[in-house]
């Protein structure tokens, strides 16, 4: 599962980096993916929307066994 999650995260990075932010995978275990938003994304009021409607949706589509996304 972690390999698939890493691939999705890497594909999303350029869009976040264009806005001065970034995302890092902290862990992917038992269907729970933990990520950390960095840079401009860390304090952005839209961060929760980005996590839910961009990152989580891509993980649901592409990662078998994905259950939950958490920001740490």
PDB file of N, CA and C in Angstrom:
ATOM      1  N   UNK A   1       0.822  -1.203   0.000  1.00  0.00           N
ATOM      2  CA  UNK A   1       0.000   0.000   0.000  1.00  0.00           C
ATOM      3  C   UNK A   1       0.864   1.265   0.000  1.00  0.00           C
ATOM      4  N   UNK A   2       1.960   1.254   0.748  1.00  0.00           N
ATOM      5  CA  UNK A   2       2.776   2.463   0.864  1.00  0.00           C
ATOM      6  C   UNK A   2       3.328   2.900  -0.497  1.00  0.00           C
ATOM      7  N   UNK A   3       3.689   1.962  -1.331  1.00  0.00           N
ATOM      8  CA  UNK A   3       4.230   2.293  -2.651  1.00  0.00           C
ATOM      9  C   UNK A   3       3.199   3.058  -3.486  1.00  0.00           C
ATOM     10  N   UNK A   4       1.960   2.598  -3.471  1.00  0.00           N
ATOM     11  CA  UNK A   4       0.900   3.262  -4.220  1.00  0.00           C
ATOM     12  C   UNK A   4       0.611   4.656  -3.661  1.00  0.00           C
ATOM     13  N   UNK A   5       0.628   4.763  -2.341  1.00  0.00           N
ATOM     14  CA  UNK A   5       0.387   6.061  -1.691  1.00  0.00           C
ATOM     15  C   UNK A   5       1.495   7.043  -2.075  1.00  0.00           C
ATOM     16  N   UNK A   6       2.736   6.585  -2.025  1.00  0.00           N
ATOM     17  CA  UNK A   6       3.864   7.449  -2.391  1.00  0.00           C
ATOM     18  C   UNK A   6       3.724   7.963  -3.824  1.00  0.00           C
ATOM     19  N   UNK A   7       3.278   7.094  -4.712  1.00  0.00           N
ATOM     20  CA  UNK A   7       3.113   7.487  -6.111  1.00  0.00           C
ATOM     21  C   UNK A   7       2.069   8.602  -6.237  1.00  0.00           C
ATOM     22  N   UNK A   8       0.946   8.455  -5.559  1.00  0.00           N
ATOM     23  CA  UNK A   8      -0.107   9.481  -5.599  1.00  0.00           C
ATOM     24  C   UNK A   8       0.408  10.793  -5.016  1.00  0.00           C
ATOM     25  N   UNK A   9       1.083  10.737  -3.884  1.00  0.00           N
ATOM     26  CA  UNK A   9       1.611  11.942  -3.230  1.00  0.00           C
ATOM     27  C   UNK A   9       2.597  12.657  -4.165  1.00  0.00           C
ATOM     28  N   UNK A  10       3.474  11.891  -4.794  1.00  0.00           N
ATOM     29  CA  UNK A  10       4.456  12.487  -5.707  1.00  0.00           C
ATOM     30  C   UNK A  10       3.775  13.174  -6.892  1.00  0.00           C
ATOM     31  N   UNK A  11       2.673  12.618  -7.359  1.00  0.00           N
ATOM     32  CA  UNK A  11       1.938  13.222  -8.471  1.00  0.00           C
ATOM     33  C   UNK A  11       1.235  14.522  -8.059  1.00  0.00           C
ATOM     34  N   UNK A  12       0.871  14.632  -6.784  1.00  0.00           N
ATOM     35  CA  UNK A  12       0.180  15.828  -6.297  1.00  0.00           C
ATOM     36  C   UNK A  12       1.140  16.957  -5.912  1.00  0.00           C
ATOM     37  N   UNK A  13       2.378  16.621  -5.614  1.00  0.00           N
ATOM     38  CA  UNK A  13       3.349  17.604  -5.138  1.00  0.00           C
ATOM     39  C   UNK A  13       3.507  18.822  -6.050  1.00  0.00           C
ATOM     40  N   UNK A  14       3.669  18.652  -7.364  1.00  0.00           N
ATOM     41  CA  UNK A  14       3.903  19.838  -8.208  1.00  0.00           C
ATOM     42  C   UNK A  14       2.815  20.902  -8.098  1.00  0.00           C
ATOM     43  N   UNK A  15       1.571  20.495  -8.008  1.00  0.00           N
ATOM     44  CA  UNK A  15       0.481  21.466  -7.885  1.00  0.00           C
ATOM     45  C   UNK A  15       0.590  22.242  -6.574  1.00  0.00           C
ATOM     46  N   UNK A  16       0.907  21.558  -5.498  1.00  0.00           N
ATOM     47  CA  UNK A  16       1.051  22.232  -4.203  1.00  0.00           C
ATOM     48  C   UNK A  16       2.286  23.127  -4.192  1.00  0.00           C
ATOM     49  N   UNK A  17       3.357  22.655  -4.808  1.00  0.00           N
ATOM     50  CA  UNK A  17       4.603  23.425  -4.833  1.00  0.00           C
ATOM     51  C   UNK A  17       4.459  24.707  -5.654  1.00  0.00           C
ATOM     52  N   UNK A  18       3.614  24.690  -6.669  1.00  0.00           N
ATOM     53  CA  UNK A  18       3.374  25.901  -7.458  1.00  0.00           C
ATOM     54  C   UNK A  18       2.780  27.014  -6.605  1.00  0.00           C
ATOM     55  N   UNK A  19       2.062  26.638  -5.564  1.00  0.00           N
ATOM     56  CA  UNK A  19       1.454  27.623  -4.670  1.00  0.00           C
ATOM     57  C   UNK A  19       2.304  27.884  -3.431  1.00  0.00           C
ATOM     58  N   UNK A  20       3.533  27.389  -3.422  1.00  0.00           N
ATOM     59  CA  UNK A  20       4.437  27.629  -2.304  1.00  0.00           C
ATOM     60  C   UNK A  20       4.310  26.632  -1.169  1.00  0.00           C
ATOM     61  N   UNK A  21       3.588  25.555  -1.394  1.00  0.00           N
ATOM     62  CA  UNK A  21       3.409  24.544  -0.351  1.00  0.00           C
ATOM     63  C   UNK A  21       4.051  23.226  -0.727  1.00  0.00           C
ATOM     64  N   UNK A  22       3.775  22.229   0.067  1.00  0.00           N
ATOM     65  CA  UNK A  22       4.275  20.886  -0.195  1.00  0.00           C
ATOM     66  C   UNK A  22       3.523  19.909   0.705  1.00  0.00           C
ATOM     67  N   UNK A  23       3.711  18.638   0.431  1.00  0.00           N
ATOM     68  CA  UNK A  23       3.093  17.582   1.225  1.00  0.00           C
ATOM     69  C   UNK A  23       4.107  16.464   1.400  1.00  0.00           C
ATOM     70  N   UNK A  24       4.151  15.894   2.586  1.00  0.00           N
ATOM     71  CA  UNK A  24       5.068  14.799   2.874  1.00  0.00           C
ATOM     72  C   UNK A  24       4.286  13.632   3.465  1.00  0.00           C
ATOM     73  N   UNK A  25       4.613  12.445   3.010  1.00  0.00           N
ATOM     74  CA  UNK A  25       4.013  11.239   3.571  1.00  0.00           C
ATOM     75  C   UNK A  25       4.705  10.915   4.880  1.00  0.00           C
ATOM     76  N   UNK A  26       3.932  10.777   5.938  1.00  0.00           N
ATOM     77  CA  UNK A  26       4.475  10.422   7.253  1.00  0.00           C
ATOM     78  C   UNK A  26       4.407   8.909   7.420  1.00  0.00           C
ATOM     79  N   UNK A  27       3.242   8.325   7.118  1.00  0.00           N
ATOM     80  CA  UNK A  27       3.104   6.870   7.208  1.00  0.00           C
ATOM     81  C   UNK A  27       1.880   6.406   6.436  1.00  0.00           C
ATOM     82  N   UNK A  28       1.902   5.132   6.101  1.00  0.00           N
ATOM     83  CA  UNK A  28       0.762   4.492   5.445  1.00  0.00           C
ATOM     84  C   UNK A  28       0.708   3.073   5.999  1.00  0.00           C
ATOM     85  N   UNK A  29      -0.234   2.872   6.935  1.00  0.00           N
ATOM     86  CA  UNK A  29      -0.309   1.589   7.626  1.00  0.00           C
ATOM     87  C   UNK A  29      -1.758   1.235   7.934  1.00  0.00           C
ATOM     88  N   UNK A  30      -2.125   0.005   7.679  1.00  0.00           N
ATOM     89  CA  UNK A  30      -3.462  -0.502   7.994  1.00  0.00           C
ATOM     90  C   UNK A  30      -4.583   0.359   7.394  1.00  0.00           C
ATOM     91  N   UNK A  31      -4.341   0.889   6.201  1.00  0.00           N
ATOM     92  CA  UNK A  31      -5.359   1.683   5.523  1.00  0.00           C
ATOM     93  C   UNK A  31      -5.407   3.139   5.920  1.00  0.00           C
ATOM     94  N   UNK A  32      -4.596   3.531   6.904  1.00  0.00           N
ATOM     95  CA  UNK A  32      -4.572   4.913   7.380  1.00  0.00           C
ATOM     96  C   UNK A  32      -3.318   5.606   6.838  1.00  0.00           C
ATOM     97  N   UNK A  33      -3.535   6.691   6.119  1.00  0.00           N
ATOM     98  CA  UNK A  33      -2.434   7.453   5.541  1.00  0.00           C
ATOM     99  C   UNK A  33      -2.294   8.744   6.331  1.00  0.00           C
ATOM    100  N   UNK A  34      -1.071   9.012   6.790  1.00  0.00           N
ATOM    101  CA  UNK A  34      -0.783  10.244   7.525  1.00  0.00           C
ATOM    102  C   UNK A  34       0.156  11.093   6.683  1.00  0.00           C
ATOM    103  N   UNK A  35      -0.236  12.357   6.503  1.00  0.00           N
ATOM    104  CA  UNK A  35       0.568  13.297   5.732  1.00  0.00           C
ATOM    105  C   UNK A  35       0.790  14.569   6.527  1.00  0.00           C
ATOM    106  N   UNK A  36       1.808  15.307   6.118  1.00  0.00           N
ATOM    107  CA  UNK A  36       2.085  16.594   6.748  1.00  0.00           C
ATOM    108  C   UNK A  36       2.147  17.639   5.645  1.00  0.00           C
ATOM    109  N   UNK A  37       1.327  18.673   5.770  1.00  0.00           N
ATOM    110  CA  UNK A  37       1.384  19.784   4.835  1.00  0.00           C
ATOM    111  C   UNK A  37       2.504  20.720   5.270  1.00  0.00           C
ATOM    112  N   UNK A  38       3.219  21.247   4.281  1.00  0.00           N
ATOM    113  CA  UNK A  38       4.372  22.088   4.574  1.00  0.00           C
ATOM    114  C   UNK A  38       4.297  23.381   3.793  1.00  0.00           C
ATOM    115  N   UNK A  39       5.161  24.316   4.145  1.00  0.00           N
ATOM    116  CA  UNK A  39       5.223  25.592   3.444  1.00  0.00           C
ATOM    117  C   UNK A  39       3.911  26.351   3.556  1.00  0.00           C
ATOM    118  N   UNK A  40       3.514  26.981   2.462  1.00  0.00           N
ATOM    119  CA  UNK A  40       2.292  27.784   2.454  1.00  0.00           C
ATOM    120  C   UNK A  40       1.057  26.955   2.765  1.00  0.00           C
ATOM    121  N   UNK A  41       1.088  25.670   2.458  1.00  0.00           N
ATOM    122  CA  UNK A  41      -0.070  24.803   2.718  1.00  0.00           C
ATOM    123  C   UNK A  41      -0.321  24.617   4.216  1.00  0.00           C
ATOM    124  N   UNK A  42       0.730  24.680   5.011  1.00  0.00           N
ATOM    125  CA  UNK A  42       0.605  24.424   6.447  1.00  0.00           C
ATOM    126  C   UNK A  42      -0.337  25.407   7.134  1.00  0.00           C
ATOM    127  N   UNK A  43      -0.346  26.648   6.689  1.00  0.00           N
ATOM    128  CA  UNK A  43      -1.191  27.635   7.343  1.00  0.00           C
ATOM    129  C   UNK A  43      -2.356  28.108   6.490  1.00  0.00           C
ATOM    130  N   UNK A  44      -2.560  27.463   5.386  1.00  0.00           N
ATOM    131  CA  UNK A  44      -3.591  27.893   4.449  1.00  0.00           C
ATOM    132  C   UNK A  44      -4.991  27.553   4.961  1.00  0.00           C
ATOM    133  N   UNK A  45      -5.927  28.497   4.858  1.00  0.00           N
ATOM    134  CA  UNK A  45      -7.296  28.213   5.291  1.00  0.00           C
ATOM    135  C   UNK A  45      -7.997  27.160   4.412  1.00  0.00           C
ATOM    136  N   UNK A  46      -7.458  26.922   3.220  1.00  0.00           N
ATOM    137  CA  UNK A  46      -8.045  25.924   2.320  1.00  0.00           C
ATOM    138  C   UNK A  46      -7.400  24.544   2.472  1.00  0.00           C
ATOM    139  N   UNK A  47      -6.487  24.393   3.409  1.00  0.00           N
ATOM    140  CA  UNK A  47      -5.755  23.131   3.573  1.00  0.00           C
ATOM    141  C   UNK A  47      -6.689  21.947   3.802  1.00  0.00           C
ATOM    142  N   UNK A  48      -7.700  22.123   4.620  1.00  0.00           N
ATOM    143  CA  UNK A  48      -8.608  21.001   4.892  1.00  0.00           C
ATOM    144  C   UNK A  48      -9.376  20.606   3.631  1.00  0.00           C
ATOM    145  N   UNK A  49      -9.711  21.582   2.804  1.00  0.00           N
ATOM    146  CA  UNK A  49     -10.397  21.301   1.540  1.00  0.00           C
ATOM    147  C   UNK A  49      -9.468  20.552   0.586  1.00  0.00           C
ATOM    148  N   UNK A  50      -8.217  20.977   0.533  1.00  0.00           N
ATOM    149  CA  UNK A  50      -7.232  20.311  -0.317  1.00  0.00           C
ATOM    150  C   UNK A  50      -7.066  18.862   0.111  1.00  0.00           C
ATOM    151  N   UNK A  51      -6.967  18.643   1.403  1.00  0.00           N
ATOM    152  CA  UNK A  51      -6.809  17.272   1.901  1.00  0.00           C
ATOM    153  C   UNK A  51      -8.018  16.422   1.555  1.00  0.00           C
ATOM    154  N   UNK A  52      -9.200  16.939   1.799  1.00  0.00           N
ATOM    155  CA  UNK A  52     -10.417  16.154   1.595  1.00  0.00           C
ATOM    156  C   UNK A  52     -10.749  15.940   0.124  1.00  0.00           C
ATOM    157  N   UNK A  53     -10.729  17.012  -0.662  1.00  0.00           N
ATOM    158  CA  UNK A  53     -11.230  16.929  -2.032  1.00  0.00           C
ATOM    159  C   UNK A  53     -10.164  16.663  -3.090  1.00  0.00           C
ATOM    160  N   UNK A  54      -8.910  16.755  -2.727  1.00  0.00           N
ATOM    161  CA  UNK A  54      -7.847  16.462  -3.682  1.00  0.00           C
ATOM    162  C   UNK A  54      -7.098  15.203  -3.258  1.00  0.00           C
ATOM    163  N   UNK A  55      -6.426  15.266  -2.121  1.00  0.00           N
ATOM    164  CA  UNK A  55      -5.584  14.160  -1.687  1.00  0.00           C
ATOM    165  C   UNK A  55      -6.422  12.920  -1.367  1.00  0.00           C
ATOM    166  N   UNK A  56      -7.419  13.062  -0.525  1.00  0.00           N
ATOM    167  CA  UNK A  56      -8.238  11.914  -0.121  1.00  0.00           C
ATOM    168  C   UNK A  56      -8.951  11.276  -1.319  1.00  0.00           C
ATOM    169  N   UNK A  57      -9.484  12.092  -2.202  1.00  0.00           N
ATOM    170  CA  UNK A  57     -10.194  11.543  -3.363  1.00  0.00           C
ATOM    171  C   UNK A  57      -9.264  10.738  -4.264  1.00  0.00           C
ATOM    172  N   UNK A  58      -8.050  11.249  -4.486  1.00  0.00           N
ATOM    173  CA  UNK A  58      -7.079  10.508  -5.307  1.00  0.00           C
ATOM    174  C   UNK A  58      -6.696   9.194  -4.639  1.00  0.00           C
ATOM    175  N   UNK A  59      -6.510   9.226  -3.334  1.00  0.00           N
ATOM    176  CA  UNK A  59      -6.154   7.995  -2.620  1.00  0.00           C
ATOM    177  C   UNK A  59      -7.293   6.981  -2.704  1.00  0.00           C
ATOM    178  N   UNK A  60      -8.527   7.434  -2.568  1.00  0.00           N
ATOM    179  CA  UNK A  60      -9.688   6.538  -2.682  1.00  0.00           C
ATOM    180  C   UNK A  60      -9.736   5.886  -4.060  1.00  0.00           C
ATOM    181  N   UNK A  61      -9.457   6.680  -5.098  1.00  0.00           N
ATOM    182  CA  UNK A  61      -9.510   6.186  -6.468  1.00  0.00           C
ATOM    183  C   UNK A  61      -8.403   5.181  -6.772  1.00  0.00           C
ATOM    184  N   UNK A  62      -7.210   5.424  -6.227  1.00  0.00           N
ATOM    185  CA  UNK A  62      -6.042   4.713  -6.713  1.00  0.00           C
ATOM    186  C   UNK A  62      -5.382   3.731  -5.757  1.00  0.00           C
ATOM    187  N   UNK A  63      -5.728   3.774  -4.476  1.00  0.00           N
ATOM    188  CA  UNK A  63      -5.029   2.920  -3.511  1.00  0.00           C
ATOM    189  C   UNK A  63      -5.986   1.910  -2.895  1.00  0.00           C
ATOM    190  N   UNK A  64      -5.766   0.665  -3.238  1.00  0.00           N
ATOM    191  CA  UNK A  64      -6.584  -0.406  -2.678  1.00  0.00           C
ATOM    192  C   UNK A  64      -6.304  -0.529  -1.176  1.00  0.00           C
ATOM    193  N   UNK A  65      -7.344  -0.596  -0.393  1.00  0.00           N
ATOM    194  CA  UNK A  65      -7.196  -0.731   1.053  1.00  0.00           C
ATOM    195  C   UNK A  65      -7.153   0.594   1.799  1.00  0.00           C
ATOM    196  N   UNK A  66      -7.212   1.708   1.050  1.00  0.00           N
ATOM    197  CA  UNK A  66      -7.216   3.008   1.721  1.00  0.00           C
ATOM    198  C   UNK A  66      -8.504   3.176   2.516  1.00  0.00           C
ATOM    199  N   UNK A  67      -8.364   3.649   3.769  1.00  0.00           N
ATOM    200  CA  UNK A  67      -9.527   3.859   4.632  1.00  0.00           C
ATOM    201  C   UNK A  67      -9.671   5.309   5.094  1.00  0.00           C
ATOM    202  N   UNK A  68      -8.540   5.925   5.466  1.00  0.00           N
ATOM    203  CA  UNK A  68      -8.625   7.226   6.130  1.00  0.00           C
ATOM    204  C   UNK A  68      -7.366   8.041   5.888  1.00  0.00           C
ATOM    205  N   UNK A  69      -7.538   9.366   5.762  1.00  0.00           N
ATOM    206  CA  UNK A  69      -6.427  10.292   5.634  1.00  0.00           C
ATOM    207  C   UNK A  69      -6.365  11.161   6.882  1.00  0.00           C
ATOM    208  N   UNK A  70      -5.176  11.299   7.436  1.00  0.00           N
ATOM    209  CA  UNK A  70      -4.976  12.149   8.615  1.00  0.00           C
ATOM    210  C   UNK A  70      -3.847  13.128   8.345  1.00  0.00           C
ATOM    211  N   UNK A  71      -4.026  14.338   8.804  1.00  0.00           N
ATOM    212  CA  UNK A  71      -2.971  15.353   8.725  1.00  0.00           C
ATOM    213  C   UNK A  71      -2.310  15.442  10.090  1.00  0.00           C
ATOM    214  N   UNK A  72      -0.986  15.411  10.113  1.00  0.00           N
ATOM    215  CA  UNK A  72      -0.253  15.475  11.386  1.00  0.00           C
ATOM    216  C   UNK A  72       0.654  16.681  11.420  1.00  0.00           C
TER     217      UNK A  72
END
